[in-house]
Amino acid sequence: MPTCRVYLFTYDRNEMLKRAIASLIGQTFTDWVCELHNDLPGNTFPEEYVRSLGDDRFIIKTHPVNLGTTQSFNLAFAGCDEDYATMLEDDNWWEPTFLEEMIRVMEKDNSIAVSWCNMHIWKENEDRTWHDTGKTIWPVNHDRFFTWPQPSQALGHLHSTGAMLYRGSKAAQYQIPPGSLSNAVEVIRERAFEHPIFLNSKVLANFSQTLVTSQTKDKIKWTGTLIMTVASYINSSSNPKATTKQLLEFYRTRRPSPVAVFFLAVCFYLKKPSLLLNLNANDWYRTIRWCVGNIANIKPMAAYLKSQEETWKYLKANTKQFESV
């Protein structure tokens, strides 16, 4: 049995897919098997291209219907018999030693359930060439363990889907509700990870900022999801008031400002008006301004949150309780 199962996902990006596959075949660690998931029924290129390579490590799975990002990615967390599993998206690619070095990290420390590496950021040009931004996702040069919770996990995530390695025996624990917003799969899934999680600061993977993305621009759904993630975070604290205060101090300088989300989290889920005492005058100004500008979106947002009951229950169940001073 191979040591690692690679889940490679593609949707109508034939040229980028070839680059991703080349980076997989070029790995110095060769004891892997790859499930190639094609989420565009009728597109025969992925299967034809892989068969032309004559590499029996590939298993081709063309979805009979389009599953979308959330349900497709859940397939990578069905659980597998291999010791390790990882995901590769068609628009990203790995450095040759990605698997070798990431597996070495996990083998040295059995306490690590999830690890990921730093990623180099590339931007797609209009002519389909690629611009090296010279930036990485993590501007650091030292490895780090992250314990739960980190303030950035209230509204975001730490790990990178296209640069992570996890244990096959634990993968099924990381499936998320199929109706969860595709933009937020990392934020939601990370709540189920066993912490500490480990960042390998070495750049072993490449992240693409593409001209065309499948992520929704629906601000009602995005804001609604943030309401759920911050509410579940605060709800898991032993001292919600102190945690709200700490989070506001962490987030209020961000642009665009997310402070209105805290107000909405109290209104929709937390139902503790005393938490709003942590908002300062500027926070209230931004919150009122947001509410006035989005008054027409409140009712649709309430309807969206009602439709996301399964995601809310998942977040509540998987957001670990923590002590807050």
Foldseek 3Di string as FASTA:
>chain_A
DFQEEEEEEEEPPLVLQVQAVVQVVLAPDDRYAYEYEYQYPPDCRVVVVVVVVVDVSYDYHYDPHRLDQQVSVLVQLQFDPHFKYAYAYSNKHWARHLVVVQVVVCVVDVVAFKEFEKAFEWEADPVRDIDRPVDIPDPDQDKDWDFPDDLCLLQAADHDRNTMMGTRHRSNQQRAPSPQASVCSRSLSVLQGDDRHIYHHDHTMYDYDYPDDPHDPPVLNSLLVSLLSNLLQLVQEPDSLQSLLVSCVVQCVDPVGSLLSVVVNCVQPVVDCVSCVSQDPVSVVVNVVVCVVCVVSPVVSSVSNVVCVRSSVSSNVRRHHDYDD
